[in-house]
Amino acid sequence: MRNEDATLVVGCGATLLGGLQGAVPDGSVFVVEEPELIETQRGGVREWAARLPVVAQLIPAEYVHHADPAAILGRLPADCTFTRVIPATDEISVIGAAAVAADLGLPGGGLRAARTFRDKIELRRTAAAARLRNPGWREVRDVDELKAAAVELGPGDLVLKPAARSGSQGVLLLSEGDDLAKAWQESTTAPGKSRMKRPPETRYLVEQRLGGPEVSVECLVARGEVVFVNVTDKRVQPGRYPVEIGHALPAALDSGTETELTAAMQALVRATGYSFGVLHGEWILTADGPALVECAARIPGDEICRLISLAYDMPFIPLYVALMAGGRDVARSVSLALPTRAEAISFLTPAPGTVQEITGAADAAAARGVQHVEIETAVGAQVPPLRASRDRVGHVIAVGADPVQARRHADYAAGLIGIRTR
């Protein structure tokens, strides 16, 4: 039977595919995934996709190293008319999705924009040309260049990071006196989020570490215009590894700062030529104004989509999906969305070791304001040191009248959960 309204998703992202349930007809979503990841990803991609009524077919096709739209399109069923192409929740899918959308003549971010957002070095250059505030930075190709850049950019704390990774993989905060050879070795050997045997190649950059609160800005973009903006307040664990351990939204900002962030995201859209989609930008609120950390051209992770849906009382992912089919009415409706409450998430980060006991989950779920509790470990499992987002083992989501109260509720409930390790 011919499908006249099919959706193509590049990459098998749980957050996106789960959000598509009920947003599009069952059996209308076709998922392209790397053959290697179908066989090796945790949880079994084939089995997981088969349990989702919305998924019609899981299609093995390369898009990470060879983003060839003709090769991908050649594997799609001929009796379907695709009306939208969407990248999953990992940067590795962004370029492939943009290439396929362009080949089909469908709304998308655009290939030039996708390549810019996929590479933090290109993004720095583009942002600087658009006169957006950036830290001082240098591309570094070996430890000698890192040492020279540290002298040139110093004195002061620095950040060393891969240009094409996500989830804090390989990101290190450096202080004066650190062993730069050891830091270079650690950053360049950190595994990619996808765990591919041959992960996407990446360059590296070192930049000045800026002081101030960190926020993220989530935008929906239609025809090159920002039509929806949310600002999320972020918490990052102290120390060498800047892993995010909590979020609250909408952030309590003065109107001037929010206006400046919105204008900066619009400037980034224009500088990159981004046309349709989601942007998830991270900024430091310095004494001189917002400074860009990085920006991804895909939906945010860390349950931020769920937090936005709850806070604004709107289905964020379904609206994004409708927008990607070119919907003008969607752009108008989301531009009018206002928050009705605040939401927060607190991540579970127990000490590393073997899990001996888990307690308090029921008490956390019954605590004031709590809406969701998820524990992603079990007795006998290993908890690694907290060096990237994937090392967290669960979370608590809570509601409040404002972000301070929502965060207080989430933190209290998370504190009721005991994950004892040894």
Protein backbone atom coordinates (compact mmCIF):
# COMPACT_ATOMS: atom_id res chain seq x y z
CA MET A 1 0.00 0.00 0.00
CA ARG A 2 1.43 3.35 -1.03
CA ASN A 3 2.48 5.70 1.78
CA GLU A 4 1.94 9.34 0.78
CA ASP A 5 3.26 10.86 4.01
CA ALA A 6 6.40 8.96 5.03
CA THR A 7 9.10 10.18 7.41
CA LEU A 8 12.77 9.33 6.98
CA VAL A 9 14.88 9.39 10.15
CA VAL A 10 18.65 9.21 9.79
CA GLY A 11 20.04 7.48 12.88
CA CYS A 12 18.20 5.37 15.43
CA GLY A 13 17.67 7.88 18.25
CA ALA A 14 15.44 6.74 21.12
CA THR A 15 14.29 10.24 22.09
CA LEU A 16 13.23 11.19 18.58
CA LEU A 17 11.59 7.90 17.65
CA GLY A 18 9.76 7.73 20.96
CA GLY A 19 8.47 11.27 20.36
CA LEU A 20 7.16 10.27 16.94
CA GLN A 21 4.69 7.82 18.48
CA GLY A 22 1.27 9.34 17.91
CA ALA A 23 2.71 12.27 15.95
CA VAL A 24 2.71 10.45 12.61
CA PRO A 25 0.77 7.38 11.46
CA ASP A 26 1.93 3.94 12.54
CA GLY A 27 4.08 2.27 9.92
CA SER A 28 5.10 5.57 8.29
CA VAL A 29 8.64 6.02 9.63
CA PHE A 30 11.68 4.56 7.88
CA VAL A 31 14.90 4.58 9.89
CA VAL A 32 18.33 4.55 8.25
CA GLU A 33 21.13 3.25 10.46
CA GLU A 34 24.75 2.28 9.98
CA PRO A 35 25.00 -1.51 9.48
CA GLU A 36 27.66 -1.73 12.18
CA LEU A 37 25.49 0.08 14.72
CA ILE A 38 22.48 -2.10 13.97
CA GLU A 39 24.53 -5.09 15.05
CA THR A 40 26.43 -3.61 17.98
CA GLN A 41 24.44 -0.84 19.70
CA ARG A 42 23.38 -1.49 23.26
CA GLY A 43 19.87 -2.90 23.62
CA GLY A 44 19.58 -4.37 20.14
CA VAL A 45 18.49 -1.84 17.52
CA ARG A 46 16.50 -4.33 15.42
CA GLU A 47 14.49 -5.59 18.38
CA TRP A 48 13.90 -2.11 19.78
CA ALA A 49 12.75 -0.64 16.44
CA ALA A 50 10.46 -3.63 15.86
CA ARG A 51 8.60 -2.81 19.08
CA LEU A 52 7.70 0.71 17.89
CA PRO A 53 4.43 0.70 15.90
CA VAL A 54 5.43 3.91 14.14
CA VAL A 55 8.52 2.30 12.53
CA ALA A 56 7.84 0.63 9.20
CA GLN A 57 11.36 -0.47 8.39
CA LEU A 58 14.93 -0.32 9.66
CA ILE A 59 17.23 0.20 6.67
CA PRO A 60 20.98 -0.53 6.84
CA ALA A 61 22.88 2.19 4.99
CA GLU A 62 26.11 4.10 5.56
CA TYR A 63 25.80 7.80 6.35
CA VAL A 64 28.66 8.56 8.76
CA HIS A 65 31.72 8.13 6.54
CA HIS A 66 29.91 8.23 3.19
CA ALA A 67 26.95 10.63 3.25
CA ASP A 68 25.88 9.69 -0.29
CA PRO A 69 22.18 10.52 -0.68
CA ALA A 70 21.86 8.42 -3.85
CA ALA A 71 23.04 5.31 -2.01
CA ILE A 72 20.59 5.94 0.84
CA LEU A 73 17.68 6.76 -1.46
CA GLY A 74 18.36 3.62 -3.46
CA ARG A 75 17.51 1.55 -0.40
CA LEU A 76 14.16 3.25 0.27
CA PRO A 77 10.86 1.71 -0.86
CA ALA A 78 9.66 3.04 -4.21
CA ASP A 79 6.00 3.13 -3.15
CA CYS A 80 6.53 5.83 -0.49
CA THR A 81 6.43 9.60 -0.78
CA PHE A 82 8.70 11.12 1.86
CA THR A 83 7.57 14.48 3.21
CA ARG A 84 10.29 15.06 5.83
CA VAL A 85 13.84 13.99 6.65
CA ILE A 86 15.04 14.29 10.24
CA PRO A 87 18.40 13.64 11.91
CA ALA A 88 18.44 11.68 15.15
CA THR A 89 19.91 12.89 18.45
CA ASP A 90 23.59 12.46 17.58
CA GLU A 91 25.74 14.78 15.47
CA ILE A 92 26.86 11.89 13.26
CA SER A 93 23.46 11.90 11.53
CA VAL A 94 23.24 15.63 10.74
CA ILE A 95 25.18 15.74 7.46
CA GLY A 96 23.55 12.60 6.06
CA ALA A 97 20.06 13.91 6.83
CA ALA A 98 20.81 17.28 5.25
CA ALA A 99 22.18 15.64 2.10
CA VAL A 100 19.15 13.40 1.66
CA ALA A 101 16.68 16.24 2.32
CA ALA A 102 18.44 18.39 -0.29
CA ASP A 103 18.37 15.56 -2.82
CA LEU A 104 14.63 15.08 -2.26
CA GLY A 105 13.92 18.81 -2.34
CA LEU A 106 12.51 18.72 1.20
CA PRO A 107 12.94 21.20 4.08
CA GLY A 108 16.18 20.79 5.98
CA GLY A 109 19.00 22.66 7.59
CA GLY A 110 21.03 22.72 4.39
CA LEU A 111 24.26 20.89 3.66
CA ARG A 112 26.54 23.90 4.22
CA ALA A 113 24.96 24.59 7.60
CA ALA A 114 25.10 20.92 8.58
CA ARG A 115 28.82 20.76 7.86
CA THR A 116 29.41 23.93 9.87
CA PHE A 117 27.48 22.79 12.92
CA ARG A 118 29.08 19.35 12.71
CA ASP A 119 32.59 20.81 13.11
CA LYS A 120 33.29 23.05 16.11
CA ILE A 121 36.30 24.60 14.35
CA GLU A 122 34.23 25.67 11.34
CA LEU A 123 31.55 26.92 13.72
CA ARG A 124 34.10 29.08 15.56
CA ARG A 125 35.24 30.62 12.26
CA THR A 126 31.69 31.22 11.11
CA ALA A 127 30.63 32.75 14.43
CA ALA A 128 33.67 35.03 14.47
CA ALA A 129 32.89 36.25 10.95
CA ALA A 130 29.34 37.02 12.15
CA ARG A 131 30.82 39.06 15.03
CA LEU A 132 29.45 36.72 17.68
CA ARG A 133 31.38 36.59 20.95
CA ASN A 134 33.87 33.69 21.05
CA PRO A 135 36.67 32.71 23.42
CA GLY A 136 40.19 32.80 22.09
CA TRP A 137 40.93 29.46 20.44
CA ARG A 138 43.38 27.54 18.29
CA GLU A 139 43.21 24.36 16.26
CA VAL A 140 45.81 21.88 17.53
CA ARG A 141 47.08 18.81 15.69
CA ASP A 142 49.57 17.38 18.17
CA VAL A 143 50.86 17.89 21.68
CA ASP A 144 53.50 20.37 20.56
CA GLU A 145 50.82 22.59 19.00
CA LEU A 146 48.77 22.22 22.18
CA LYS A 147 51.70 23.43 24.28
CA ALA A 148 52.32 26.39 21.96
CA ALA A 149 48.63 27.31 21.96
CA ALA A 150 48.49 27.14 25.76
CA VAL A 151 51.29 29.69 25.95
CA GLU A 152 49.64 31.90 23.35
CA LEU A 153 46.16 31.75 24.91
CA GLY A 154 47.26 31.80 28.55
CA PRO A 155 47.57 32.50 31.33
CA GLY A 156 44.34 31.02 32.63
CA ASP A 157 42.24 27.89 32.37
CA LEU A 158 41.69 26.25 28.98
CA VAL A 159 39.36 23.71 27.38
CA LEU A 160 40.64 20.94 25.11
CA LYS A 161 38.02 19.20 23.00
CA PRO A 162 37.34 17.27 19.81
CA ALA A 163 35.70 19.25 17.02
CA ALA A 164 33.27 16.48 16.06
CA ARG A 165 32.11 14.72 19.22
CA SER A 166 29.08 15.15 21.50
CA GLY A 167 28.05 14.25 25.03
CA SER A 168 31.27 15.70 26.54
CA GLN A 169 33.32 12.90 24.97
CA GLY A 170 36.99 13.83 25.09
CA VAL A 171 36.40 17.28 26.63
CA LEU A 172 38.93 18.25 29.31
CA LEU A 173 39.24 21.37 31.44
CA LEU A 174 42.90 22.32 31.81
CA SER A 175 44.58 24.40 34.49
CA GLU A 176 48.04 25.92 34.58
CA GLY A 177 50.62 23.28 35.40
CA ASP A 178 48.63 20.35 33.97
CA ASP A 179 50.50 17.65 32.06
CA LEU A 180 49.51 18.60 28.51
CA ALA A 181 50.97 15.46 26.95
CA LYS A 182 48.78 13.34 29.22
CA ALA A 183 45.74 15.53 28.50
CA TRP A 184 46.31 15.23 24.74
CA GLN A 185 46.54 11.44 25.01
CA GLU A 186 43.34 11.24 27.04
CA SER A 187 41.31 13.53 24.79
CA THR A 188 42.41 11.96 21.50
CA THR A 189 41.78 8.39 22.68
CA ALA A 190 38.35 9.01 24.26
CA PRO A 191 35.73 6.82 22.57
CA GLY A 192 33.06 8.41 20.41
CA LYS A 193 29.48 8.38 21.60
CA SER A 194 28.42 5.92 18.87
CA ARG A 195 31.07 3.32 19.86
CA MET A 196 31.79 2.62 16.19
CA LYS A 197 34.93 0.59 15.47
CA ARG A 198 35.97 3.38 13.12
CA PRO A 199 34.47 6.52 14.66
CA PRO A 200 34.11 9.67 12.59
CA GLU A 201 37.39 11.49 12.18
CA THR A 202 37.76 14.65 14.20
CA ARG A 203 40.08 17.60 14.59
CA TYR A 204 40.89 19.16 17.96
CA LEU A 205 40.84 22.66 19.37
CA VAL A 206 41.89 24.34 22.58
CA GLU A 207 40.19 27.49 23.80
CA GLN A 208 40.10 29.88 26.71
CA ARG A 209 37.78 28.83 29.50
CA LEU A 210 35.19 31.52 30.14
CA GLY A 211 33.60 32.39 33.47
CA GLY A 212 29.88 32.72 34.11
CA PRO A 213 26.63 30.72 34.18
CA GLU A 214 26.10 28.26 31.33
CA VAL A 215 22.81 28.04 29.45
CA SER A 216 21.54 26.31 26.36
CA VAL A 217 19.17 27.85 23.83
CA GLU A 218 16.75 25.55 22.02
CA CYS A 219 15.30 26.99 18.82
CA LEU A 220 12.89 25.93 16.12
CA VAL A 221 13.81 27.49 12.78
CA ALA A 222 11.57 27.83 9.72
CA ARG A 223 12.70 29.39 6.42
CA GLY A 224 15.77 30.85 8.08
CA GLU A 225 13.87 32.53 10.91
CA VAL A 226 13.87 31.57 14.58
CA VAL A 227 10.22 30.92 15.46
CA PHE A 228 10.56 29.44 18.96
CA VAL A 229 13.15 29.98 21.70
CA ASN A 230 13.65 28.34 25.08
CA VAL A 231 16.59 28.98 27.41
CA THR A 232 17.73 26.19 29.75
CA ASP A 233 19.86 26.76 32.84
CA LYS A 234 22.60 24.13 33.06
CA ARG A 235 24.68 22.65 35.86
CA VAL A 236 28.04 21.05 35.17
CA GLN A 237 30.00 18.93 37.63
CA PRO A 238 33.12 20.63 39.02
CA GLY A 239 36.55 19.40 38.12
CA ARG A 240 38.28 18.25 34.97
CA TYR A 241 35.31 16.70 33.15
CA PRO A 242 32.48 19.15 32.36
CA VAL A 243 29.61 16.64 32.39
CA GLU A 244 26.13 18.13 32.74
CA ILE A 245 24.43 16.96 35.94
CA GLY A 246 21.20 18.99 35.90
CA HIS A 247 18.99 21.36 33.91
CA ALA A 248 16.10 23.70 34.69
CA LEU A 249 13.87 25.58 32.27
CA PRO A 250 12.85 28.14 31.32
CA ALA A 251 15.91 29.83 32.77
CA ALA A 252 15.24 32.83 35.01
CA LEU A 253 16.89 35.55 32.93
CA ASP A 254 16.33 39.26 32.62
CA SER A 255 14.63 40.28 29.39
CA GLY A 256 17.78 41.90 28.05
CA THR A 257 19.85 38.71 28.29
CA GLU A 258 17.10 36.61 26.72
CA THR A 259 16.77 39.11 23.88
CA GLU A 260 20.53 39.05 23.33
CA LEU A 261 20.58 35.23 23.24
CA THR A 262 17.72 35.14 20.74
CA ALA A 263 19.47 37.68 18.52
CA ALA A 264 22.71 35.69 18.73
CA MET A 265 20.94 32.48 17.65
CA GLN A 266 19.30 34.33 14.75
CA ALA A 267 22.69 35.69 13.72
CA LEU A 268 24.06 32.14 13.80
CA VAL A 269 21.17 30.96 11.61
CA ARG A 270 21.91 33.65 9.03
CA ALA A 271 25.67 33.14 9.13
CA THR A 272 25.34 29.41 8.44
CA GLY A 273 22.40 29.59 6.05
CA TYR A 274 20.39 27.24 8.28
CA SER A 275 16.87 26.90 6.90
CA PHE A 276 14.61 24.38 8.71
CA GLY A 277 15.06 22.44 11.91
CA VAL A 278 16.16 22.53 15.53
CA LEU A 279 19.23 24.21 16.97
CA HIS A 280 20.65 23.48 20.43
CA GLY A 281 23.20 26.17 21.24
CA GLU A 282 25.30 26.40 24.40
CA TRP A 283 26.43 29.77 25.75
CA ILE A 284 28.37 31.18 28.71
CA LEU A 285 26.88 34.34 30.21
CA THR A 286 30.09 36.34 30.68
CA ALA A 287 30.35 39.81 32.17
CA ASP A 288 30.62 41.12 28.58
CA GLY A 289 27.56 39.22 27.33
CA PRO A 290 26.77 35.73 25.98
CA ALA A 291 29.74 33.87 24.46
CA LEU A 292 29.28 30.83 22.23
CA VAL A 293 30.38 27.43 23.51
CA GLU A 294 29.02 25.28 20.67
CA CYS A 295 25.81 24.59 18.75
CA ALA A 296 24.25 21.38 17.40
CA ALA A 297 21.76 21.12 14.53
CA ARG A 298 19.57 18.38 16.03
CA ILE A 299 17.18 17.96 18.93
CA PRO A 300 18.77 18.29 22.36
CA GLY A 301 19.47 15.28 24.53
CA ASP A 302 19.22 14.99 28.31
CA GLU A 303 15.39 14.89 28.19
CA ILE A 304 15.27 18.61 27.34
CA CYS A 305 12.58 17.93 24.71
CA ARG A 306 10.38 16.42 27.43
CA LEU A 307 11.08 19.33 29.77
CA ILE A 308 10.08 21.83 27.07
CA SER A 309 6.88 19.89 26.30
CA LEU A 310 5.90 19.91 29.98
CA ALA A 311 6.86 23.51 30.72
CA TYR A 312 5.20 25.00 27.63
CA ASP A 313 2.31 22.53 27.55
CA MET A 314 3.03 21.64 23.93
CA PRO A 315 4.30 18.48 22.20
CA PHE A 316 7.76 19.67 21.20
CA ILE A 317 8.88 16.75 19.01
CA PRO A 318 5.55 16.36 17.14
CA LEU A 319 5.56 20.10 16.39
CA TYR A 320 9.16 19.88 15.18
CA VAL A 321 8.22 16.95 12.95
CA ALA A 322 5.30 18.89 11.49
CA LEU A 323 7.56 21.89 10.94
CA MET A 324 9.98 19.71 8.94
CA ALA A 325 7.23 19.12 6.39
CA GLY A 326 7.15 22.87 5.79
CA GLY A 327 4.12 23.68 7.93
CA ARG A 328 3.51 27.43 8.11
CA ASP A 329 0.74 27.01 10.68
CA VAL A 330 3.17 25.21 12.97
CA ALA A 331 5.67 28.07 12.76
CA ARG A 332 2.95 30.53 13.72
CA SER A 333 1.65 28.44 16.63
CA VAL A 334 5.04 27.76 18.24
CA SER A 335 5.97 31.43 18.00
CA LEU A 336 3.11 32.14 20.43
CA ALA A 337 4.05 29.44 22.97
CA LEU A 338 4.70 30.64 26.53
CA PRO A 339 5.79 28.63 29.58
CA THR A 340 3.11 27.78 32.13
CA ARG A 341 5.46 26.25 34.73
CA ALA A 342 9.08 25.28 35.27
CA GLU A 343 10.70 21.86 34.87
CA ALA A 344 14.01 20.47 36.08
CA ILE A 345 16.05 17.30 35.75
CA SER A 346 18.65 15.98 38.15
CA PHE A 347 20.94 13.18 36.96
CA LEU A 348 22.02 10.23 39.09
CA THR A 349 25.80 10.11 39.43
CA PRO A 350 26.87 7.56 42.05
CA ALA A 351 30.47 6.73 42.88
CA PRO A 352 32.16 4.43 40.37
CA GLY A 353 32.27 0.71 41.11
CA THR A 354 30.04 -2.33 41.09
CA VAL A 355 26.43 -1.65 42.10
CA GLN A 356 25.64 -3.45 45.38
CA GLU A 357 22.21 -2.04 46.20
CA ILE A 358 19.59 0.37 44.86
CA THR A 359 17.08 1.92 47.26
CA GLY A 360 14.61 4.79 47.44
CA ALA A 361 13.15 4.73 43.91
CA ALA A 362 9.55 4.53 45.18
CA ASP A 363 10.14 7.31 47.70
CA ALA A 364 11.63 9.51 44.96
CA ALA A 365 8.68 8.88 42.64
CA ALA A 366 6.26 9.89 45.41
CA ALA A 367 8.14 13.05 46.37
CA ARG A 368 6.61 16.48 45.83
CA GLY A 369 6.66 17.73 42.24
CA VAL A 370 8.24 14.57 40.80
CA GLN A 371 6.92 13.51 37.41
CA HIS A 372 9.38 10.86 36.29
CA VAL A 373 12.11 8.69 37.75
CA GLU A 374 14.41 6.55 35.64
CA ILE A 375 17.22 4.31 36.88
CA GLU A 376 19.47 2.95 34.14
CA THR A 377 21.60 0.55 36.13
CA ALA A 378 21.10 -2.61 38.18
CA VAL A 379 22.71 -4.59 40.96
CA GLY A 380 25.90 -6.12 39.62
CA ALA A 381 26.38 -3.50 36.89
CA GLN A 382 29.49 -1.35 36.65
CA VAL A 383 29.31 2.41 37.18
CA PRO A 384 32.21 4.11 35.37
CA PRO A 385 33.89 7.34 36.48
CA LEU A 386 31.80 10.34 35.41
CA ARG A 387 33.69 11.57 32.35
CA ALA A 388 30.90 11.86 29.73
CA SER A 389 27.11 12.04 29.57
CA ARG A 390 26.73 8.31 28.98
CA ASP A 391 28.33 7.61 32.38
CA ARG A 392 25.25 8.92 34.24
CA VAL A 393 22.90 6.17 35.41
CA GLY A 394 19.47 7.76 35.57
CA HIS A 395 17.52 10.91 36.36
CA VAL A 396 14.60 12.54 38.15
CA ILE A 397 12.28 15.08 36.50
CA ALA A 398 10.23 17.47 38.65
CA VAL A 399 7.93 20.45 38.23
CA GLY A 400 7.81 23.73 40.11
CA ALA A 401 6.33 27.19 40.03
CA ASP A 402 9.73 28.53 38.98
CA PRO A 403 13.07 26.97 38.02
CA VAL A 404 14.48 27.28 41.54
CA GLN A 405 11.59 25.32 43.03
CA ALA A 406 11.60 22.75 40.22
CA ARG A 407 15.32 22.15 40.73
CA ARG A 408 14.87 21.88 44.48
CA HIS A 409 12.21 19.19 43.99
CA ALA A 410 14.33 17.25 41.48
CA ASP A 411 17.46 17.40 43.64
CA TYR A 412 15.59 16.33 46.78
CA ALA A 413 14.03 13.33 45.06
CA ALA A 414 17.32 12.34 43.44
CA GLY A 415 18.88 12.43 46.91
CA LEU A 416 16.37 9.83 48.10
CA ILE A 417 17.75 7.30 45.62
CA GLY A 418 20.66 5.35 47.00
CA ILE A 419 22.94 3.56 44.54
CA ARG A 420 25.59 1.88 46.65
CA THR A 421 28.72 0.81 44.82
CA ARG A 422 31.90 -0.94 45.82
